[in-house]
Amino acid sequence: MPTEHPLDATVDVSPARTVGAFRSTFPIGLDPSGRAILLYLVTAPWTDEFRTYLQDHAACLRVIPSWTLCLAFPRPLDRAYGAYQAVIREELETPLHRATIRELTWHFEHRQQAIGHGVLNTRTQAFLDRVAEVFKTSGSRFCTGDG
């Protein structure tokens, strides 16, 4: 019995069937050298749908030896190019590790409890403040108990 290629279960060109785990309908093709080409047509200046597209395809991209992501920007959406580049950097070049996600989740839960109760012991408050400082990035800031 032949072994199934990892992508066989997710790629289906039949229009009557859903394409595996992918929520998008953007095509994936192969160039003559076998390199995968993913085409994404930008349809909005905001990047939420594109971020979801990248997250949905991340597992696929990890098993493909070589690939190219092509974004098509119709006018006037070409002004959003920088925002889409930022999403690519965030999702593909600097993804969050599971441990970091767990730490952030812990932080958010405890911060939310602190806001709800209004009282934290000094040690917990200092720890939450330190965590907020570690995860702070330019242009964004975690909420603190002091507003």
C-alpha atoms as a PDB file:
ATOM      1  CA  MET A   1       0.000   0.000   0.000  1.00  0.00           C
ATOM      2  CA  PRO A   2       1.550   3.368  -0.976  1.00  0.00           C
ATOM      3  CA  THR A   3       2.263   5.856   1.806  1.00  0.00           C
ATOM      4  CA  GLU A   4       0.285   9.044   1.726  1.00  0.00           C
ATOM      5  CA  HIS A   5       2.116  12.325   1.073  1.00  0.00           C
ATOM      6  CA  PRO A   6       1.679  14.744   4.046  1.00  0.00           C
ATOM      7  CA  LEU A   7      -0.194  17.231   1.869  1.00  0.00           C
ATOM      8  CA  ASP A   8      -2.532  14.698   0.236  1.00  0.00           C
ATOM      9  CA  ALA A   9      -4.941  14.933   3.164  1.00  0.00           C
ATOM     10  CA  THR A  10      -5.169  18.722   3.001  1.00  0.00           C
ATOM     11  CA  VAL A  11      -5.147  19.564  -0.687  1.00  0.00           C
ATOM     12  CA  ASP A  12      -8.266  18.868  -2.722  1.00  0.00           C
ATOM     13  CA  VAL A  13      -8.981  20.692  -5.956  1.00  0.00           C
ATOM     14  CA  SER A  14     -12.580  19.502  -6.185  1.00  0.00           C
ATOM     15  CA  PRO A  15     -14.862  22.558  -5.807  1.00  0.00           C
ATOM     16  CA  ALA A  16     -17.591  20.432  -4.223  1.00  0.00           C
ATOM     17  CA  ARG A  17     -15.454  19.487  -1.200  1.00  0.00           C
ATOM     18  CA  THR A  18     -13.939  21.469   1.652  1.00  0.00           C
ATOM     19  CA  VAL A  19     -10.175  21.749   1.458  1.00  0.00           C
ATOM     20  CA  GLY A  20      -8.852  19.980   4.549  1.00  0.00           C
ATOM     21  CA  ALA A  21      -8.207  22.191   7.536  1.00  0.00           C
ATOM     22  CA  PHE A  22      -7.788  25.364   5.484  1.00  0.00           C
ATOM     23  CA  ARG A  23     -10.514  27.966   5.827  1.00  0.00           C
ATOM     24  CA  SER A  24      -9.353  29.970   2.831  1.00  0.00           C
ATOM     25  CA  THR A  25      -9.924  29.380  -0.850  1.00  0.00           C
ATOM     26  CA  PHE A  26      -6.634  30.872  -2.017  1.00  0.00           C
ATOM     27  CA  PRO A  27      -4.715  28.566  -4.356  1.00  0.00           C
ATOM     28  CA  ILE A  28      -1.553  26.638  -3.608  1.00  0.00           C
ATOM     29  CA  GLY A  29       0.469  25.574  -6.630  1.00  0.00           C
ATOM     30  CA  LEU A  30       3.870  24.240  -7.587  1.00  0.00           C
ATOM     31  CA  ASP A  31       6.386  25.905  -9.848  1.00  0.00           C
ATOM     32  CA  PRO A  32       8.413  23.757 -12.310  1.00  0.00           C
ATOM     33  CA  SER A  33      11.132  23.158  -9.691  1.00  0.00           C
ATOM     34  CA  GLY A  34       8.600  21.793  -7.167  1.00  0.00           C
ATOM     35  CA  ARG A  35       8.575  24.894  -4.977  1.00  0.00           C
ATOM     36  CA  ALA A  36       5.141  25.536  -3.427  1.00  0.00           C
ATOM     37  CA  ILE A  37       3.565  28.867  -4.337  1.00  0.00           C
ATOM     38  CA  LEU A  38       0.878  30.247  -2.020  1.00  0.00           C
ATOM     39  CA  LEU A  39      -1.159  33.107  -3.428  1.00  0.00           C
ATOM     40  CA  TYR A  40      -3.023  35.494  -1.164  1.00  0.00           C
ATOM     41  CA  LEU A  41      -5.213  38.233  -2.614  1.00  0.00           C
ATOM     42  CA  VAL A  42      -5.414  41.177  -0.231  1.00  0.00           C
ATOM     43  CA  THR A  43      -9.053  42.227   0.012  1.00  0.00           C
ATOM     44  CA  ALA A  44      -8.949  44.543   3.039  1.00  0.00           C
ATOM     45  CA  PRO A  45      -6.549  47.081   4.537  1.00  0.00           C
ATOM     46  CA  TRP A  46      -6.720  45.345   7.940  1.00  0.00           C
ATOM     47  CA  THR A  47      -4.713  42.163   8.512  1.00  0.00           C
ATOM     48  CA  ASP A  48      -6.932  39.965  10.708  1.00  0.00           C
ATOM     49  CA  GLU A  49      -7.934  37.567   7.922  1.00  0.00           C
ATOM     50  CA  PHE A  50      -4.364  37.371   6.631  1.00  0.00           C
ATOM     51  CA  ARG A  51      -3.072  36.534  10.117  1.00  0.00           C
ATOM     52  CA  THR A  52      -5.620  33.712  10.328  1.00  0.00           C
ATOM     53  CA  TYR A  53      -4.537  32.530   6.866  1.00  0.00           C
ATOM     54  CA  LEU A  54      -0.902  32.317   7.999  1.00  0.00           C
ATOM     55  CA  GLN A  55      -1.831  30.548  11.227  1.00  0.00           C
ATOM     56  CA  ASP A  56      -3.972  28.046   9.309  1.00  0.00           C
ATOM     57  CA  HIS A  57      -1.130  27.303   6.888  1.00  0.00           C
ATOM     58  CA  ALA A  58       1.764  27.258   9.390  1.00  0.00           C
ATOM     59  CA  ALA A  59       1.752  23.466   9.810  1.00  0.00           C
ATOM     60  CA  CYS A  60       1.702  23.003   6.041  1.00  0.00           C
ATOM     61  CA  LEU A  61       4.584  25.437   5.565  1.00  0.00           C
ATOM     62  CA  ARG A  62       6.684  23.572   8.148  1.00  0.00           C
ATOM     63  CA  VAL A  63       6.629  20.347   6.079  1.00  0.00           C
ATOM     64  CA  ILE A  64       7.153  21.917   2.664  1.00  0.00           C
ATOM     65  CA  PRO A  65      10.880  22.092   1.886  1.00  0.00           C
ATOM     66  CA  SER A  66      10.641  25.304  -0.135  1.00  0.00           C
ATOM     67  CA  TRP A  67       7.806  27.737  -0.668  1.00  0.00           C
ATOM     68  CA  THR A  68       6.985  31.265  -1.735  1.00  0.00           C
ATOM     69  CA  LEU A  69       4.169  33.378  -0.379  1.00  0.00           C
ATOM     70  CA  CYS A  70       2.840  35.813  -2.990  1.00  0.00           C
ATOM     71  CA  LEU A  71       0.583  38.634  -1.868  1.00  0.00           C
ATOM     72  CA  ALA A  72      -1.398  40.486  -4.527  1.00  0.00           C
ATOM     73  CA  PHE A  73      -2.265  44.067  -3.542  1.00  0.00           C
ATOM     74  CA  PRO A  74      -4.875  45.712  -5.758  1.00  0.00           C
ATOM     75  CA  ARG A  75      -4.986  49.498  -5.629  1.00  0.00           C
ATOM     76  CA  PRO A  76      -5.668  51.247  -3.254  1.00  0.00           C
ATOM     77  CA  LEU A  77      -4.903  48.389  -0.835  1.00  0.00           C
ATOM     78  CA  ASP A  78      -1.232  48.543  -1.764  1.00  0.00           C
ATOM     79  CA  ARG A  79      -0.903  51.153   0.995  1.00  0.00           C
ATOM     80  CA  ALA A  80      -1.346  48.319   3.523  1.00  0.00           C
ATOM     81  CA  TYR A  81       1.841  46.566   2.361  1.00  0.00           C
ATOM     82  CA  GLY A  82       3.791  47.485   5.520  1.00  0.00           C
ATOM     83  CA  ALA A  83       1.085  46.165   7.826  1.00  0.00           C
ATOM     84  CA  TYR A  84       1.033  42.833   5.969  1.00  0.00           C
ATOM     85  CA  GLN A  85       4.843  42.621   6.130  1.00  0.00           C
ATOM     86  CA  ALA A  86       4.615  43.151   9.900  1.00  0.00           C
ATOM     87  CA  VAL A  87       2.171  40.236  10.199  1.00  0.00           C
ATOM     88  CA  ILE A  88       4.555  38.001   8.251  1.00  0.00           C
ATOM     89  CA  ARG A  89       7.389  38.926  10.632  1.00  0.00           C
ATOM     90  CA  GLU A  90       5.199  38.350  13.700  1.00  0.00           C
ATOM     91  CA  GLU A  91       3.714  35.039  12.587  1.00  0.00           C
ATOM     92  CA  LEU A  92       6.565  33.412  10.676  1.00  0.00           C
ATOM     93  CA  GLU A  93       9.794  35.000  11.880  1.00  0.00           C
ATOM     94  CA  THR A  94       9.048  35.505  15.578  1.00  0.00           C
ATOM     95  CA  PRO A  95       6.226  33.158  16.619  1.00  0.00           C
ATOM     96  CA  LEU A  96       5.423  32.761  20.302  1.00  0.00           C
ATOM     97  CA  HIS A  97       6.526  29.501  21.864  1.00  0.00           C
ATOM     98  CA  ARG A  98       4.076  27.407  23.887  1.00  0.00           C
ATOM     99  CA  ALA A  99       5.838  28.276  27.161  1.00  0.00           C
ATOM    100  CA  THR A 100       5.545  31.989  26.366  1.00  0.00           C
ATOM    101  CA  ILE A 101       1.852  31.594  25.583  1.00  0.00           C
ATOM    102  CA  ARG A 102       1.335  29.785  28.915  1.00  0.00           C
ATOM    103  CA  GLU A 103       3.154  32.590  30.754  1.00  0.00           C
ATOM    104  CA  LEU A 104       1.108  35.252  29.000  1.00  0.00           C
ATOM    105  CA  THR A 105      -2.113  33.386  29.783  1.00  0.00           C
ATOM    106  CA  TRP A 106      -1.120  33.152  33.449  1.00  0.00           C
ATOM    107  CA  HIS A 107      -0.277  36.850  33.455  1.00  0.00           C
ATOM    108  CA  PHE A 108      -3.570  37.880  31.860  1.00  0.00           C
ATOM    109  CA  GLU A 109      -5.616  35.701  34.223  1.00  0.00           C
ATOM    110  CA  HIS A 110      -3.881  37.069  37.322  1.00  0.00           C
ATOM    111  CA  ARG A 111      -3.992  40.626  36.037  1.00  0.00           C
ATOM    112  CA  GLN A 112      -7.731  40.244  35.404  1.00  0.00           C
ATOM    113  CA  GLN A 113      -8.215  38.888  38.943  1.00  0.00           C
ATOM    114  CA  ALA A 114      -6.255  41.831  40.310  1.00  0.00           C
ATOM    115  CA  ILE A 115      -8.453  44.291  38.456  1.00  0.00           C
ATOM    116  CA  GLY A 116     -11.592  42.474  39.646  1.00  0.00           C
ATOM    117  CA  HIS A 117     -10.572  42.323  43.310  1.00  0.00           C
ATOM    118  CA  GLY A 118      -8.574  45.544  43.418  1.00  0.00           C
ATOM    119  CA  VAL A 119      -6.156  44.109  45.997  1.00  0.00           C
ATOM    120  CA  LEU A 120      -2.915  42.174  45.473  1.00  0.00           C
ATOM    121  CA  ASN A 121      -0.165  41.357  47.887  1.00  0.00           C
ATOM    122  CA  THR A 122       3.055  43.256  47.251  1.00  0.00           C
ATOM    123  CA  ARG A 123       4.982  40.221  45.993  1.00  0.00           C
ATOM    124  CA  THR A 124       2.314  39.263  43.405  1.00  0.00           C
ATOM    125  CA  GLN A 125       1.978  42.884  42.271  1.00  0.00           C
ATOM    126  CA  ALA A 126       5.749  43.168  41.820  1.00  0.00           C
ATOM    127  CA  PHE A 127       5.825  39.910  39.852  1.00  0.00           C
ATOM    128  CA  LEU A 128       2.964  40.969  37.569  1.00  0.00           C
ATOM    129  CA  ASP A 129       4.649  44.324  36.985  1.00  0.00           C
ATOM    130  CA  ARG A 130       7.904  42.549  36.056  1.00  0.00           C
ATOM    131  CA  VAL A 131       6.087  40.194  33.671  1.00  0.00           C
ATOM    132  CA  ALA A 132       4.368  43.170  32.031  1.00  0.00           C
ATOM    133  CA  GLU A 133       7.772  44.837  31.592  1.00  0.00           C
ATOM    134  CA  VAL A 134       9.260  41.692  30.015  1.00  0.00           C
ATOM    135  CA  PHE A 135       6.426  41.311  27.520  1.00  0.00           C
ATOM    136  CA  LYS A 136       6.077  45.013  26.731  1.00  0.00           C
ATOM    137  CA  THR A 137       6.796  45.923  23.102  1.00  0.00           C
ATOM    138  CA  SER A 138       6.944  49.240  21.350  1.00  0.00           C
ATOM    139  CA  GLY A 139       3.502  50.475  20.492  1.00  0.00           C
ATOM    140  CA  SER A 140       1.695  48.152  22.893  1.00  0.00           C
ATOM    141  CA  ARG A 141       1.417  47.860  26.649  1.00  0.00           C
ATOM    142  CA  PHE A 142      -0.215  45.410  28.997  1.00  0.00           C
ATOM    143  CA  CYS A 143      -2.922  46.815  31.221  1.00  0.00           C
ATOM    144  CA  THR A 144      -1.843  47.475  34.763  1.00  0.00           C
ATOM    145  CA  GLY A 145      -3.926  47.886  37.854  1.00  0.00           C
ATOM    146  CA  ASP A 146      -3.288  51.631  37.819  1.00  0.00           C
ATOM    147  CA  GLY A 147      -5.010  52.259  34.505  1.00  0.00           C
END
